[in-house]
Amino acid sequence: MNERPGNGALYGGNPPGAGNTDPLIINVCLSGNVATKAVNPHLPVSVNEIVESGLAAVEAGATMLHVHAYEADGSPTWRPGIFGRILQGIRQHCPAAVLVATTSGRLHGEIEKRAAVLGLDGDAKPDMASLTLGSLNFPNQASVNAPDTLRRLCLLMREKDILPELEAFDLGMLNYAFYLQRKGLLPLDCYVNLMLGSLGAVPGRVLDLANLAREVPLGWTWAAAGIGRYQLPVNTAAMLMGGNVRVGLEDNPYYDYASREPASNAQLVRRIVRLAGELGRPIASCQETRARLQLGQRENWKATQAVIRKLRPDDIAAAIHLLGQWNMAPIQPSAQVPIPERDRLEADNTFVATLRGRVVGVASYLHRGGKWAETASLAVDPEFLGCGIGFQLQHARLAEMRAKGIAHVRTDSDRPEVIRWYVDKFGYRITGQQPKKHAFGRADCDHWTILELDLDPT
């Protein structure tokens, strides 16, 4: 199959261009963690106000609603019951709208609170949930998004089939999204908001938006948001570049920032619709938005999950090439080792990991008779190191050995990091050393470290 270009413009990304006439997706951030009614009396806070504001925004042309929830005193809340009432209230009148729940850690840092909204189901279940891709400083507080927190949120969204609404405040955050995707923690085609103009983020200049947008992979859907006075110019630039827009009172409570004229969400949407018409951009419907984002299509998630299976004849060339990157023998002229002897590939003892049809990992073992076996080569494509593929391959071969009644496993390695991996991750113990059959005249690598593992029966 043809491989899709990788992330970023250097790999065939999404360079901005003029004349795009794709239907425009309008994502409205109805309210947030900072603005209050003292700043803008139109800011929706109660459940009924948020529902009414959301429905008015959809009537004006929005198809996505980014939702925060509040306690009776107006303070932001994480409680799923309040979120559920909002989402159900909107769906009762507009079932096709794309509903997005915040998982912001700006005020509630505990993962249990941030993830609580992901447990809603039925009409209260969000279609999407926000995922800020890194930590940053706002004017008066920090937004902390630790790697483990992001990983756990991604896993929950994948489990619940809730599409992440990615938020990238700089190029580093966008790059982190590519890392999460390589680890199988994001779907193949993502939605991302490019957030500009906040303190501690990318400035709200057209140049900065262009530099971010050109790194968005093909197949992804991106929208741009400008904070405060940058909202209108960033939204306009995004439409010209073929992107989509995030607009709303969370990012900017004013219709005219210079005069501090308060806005409503519907007013901000109507202005975007008017400008889009002048620029030749039709407005996406809710159904078009859902189709573009592939909501409810599990294949989008499955496309980034490595498949572990047995070696097939048509995998052999790719597997040998991959192993050749990790074995010393092919690059040492003094060590002329035949490939079959070196890699010990056999169809019945070798597993491969494939990603969209491409072999990205290989692992094998040898049954030495009775209850003994030896784990042989294990290699992962360098592009996917650290993504858990080696871990999955090791689990697969250990599981098969257990099923065959093998009780004792041995492996040899000359790489300190690999030795630590076997010991720390799987409980192997170091039992000795032995000289290599094919030596290289180097004291640091002319012996194997012997590792052994006793397998518990299944």
Foldseek 3Di string as FASTA:
>chain_A
DDDFFAFFLVRPFQFFDFDAAAAFAEEEAQADQDDDCVLPVLRQAALVSLLVLVVLQVVLFHQEYEDWYADPVRHTFLDQVRLLSNQLSNCVPPVLRQYEYELFCFPPPDLCSSCVNCPDDDSSHHQAYEDEQAKWDFPPTIGHDDPVSNQVSLVSCLVSLRAYAYEYQAVVSVVSVSLCLLLLSHFQAHEYEHEECTVRGHHLDLVRVSNNRRRHHPLYAYEYAYAEPSGVVSQLSQLRRNHHYYDYCHRYQAPHRVVSHGDRSSVGSNVSCVSSVVSNYHHDHSVRVCVSRVGPPSVRSVLSDKDKDFDDPVCVVVALVQLVVVDPQVVAPQRDDDSCVQQVDDRVFKMFIDHNRHTFKMWGKADPDDQEIETHDIGGHPVSPPSCPSVVRVVVNLVVSLVVVRFKYKYWDLDPVVVCCCCVVPNWDFDAKDADPRARPDPSRRIITMTMDTDDHD
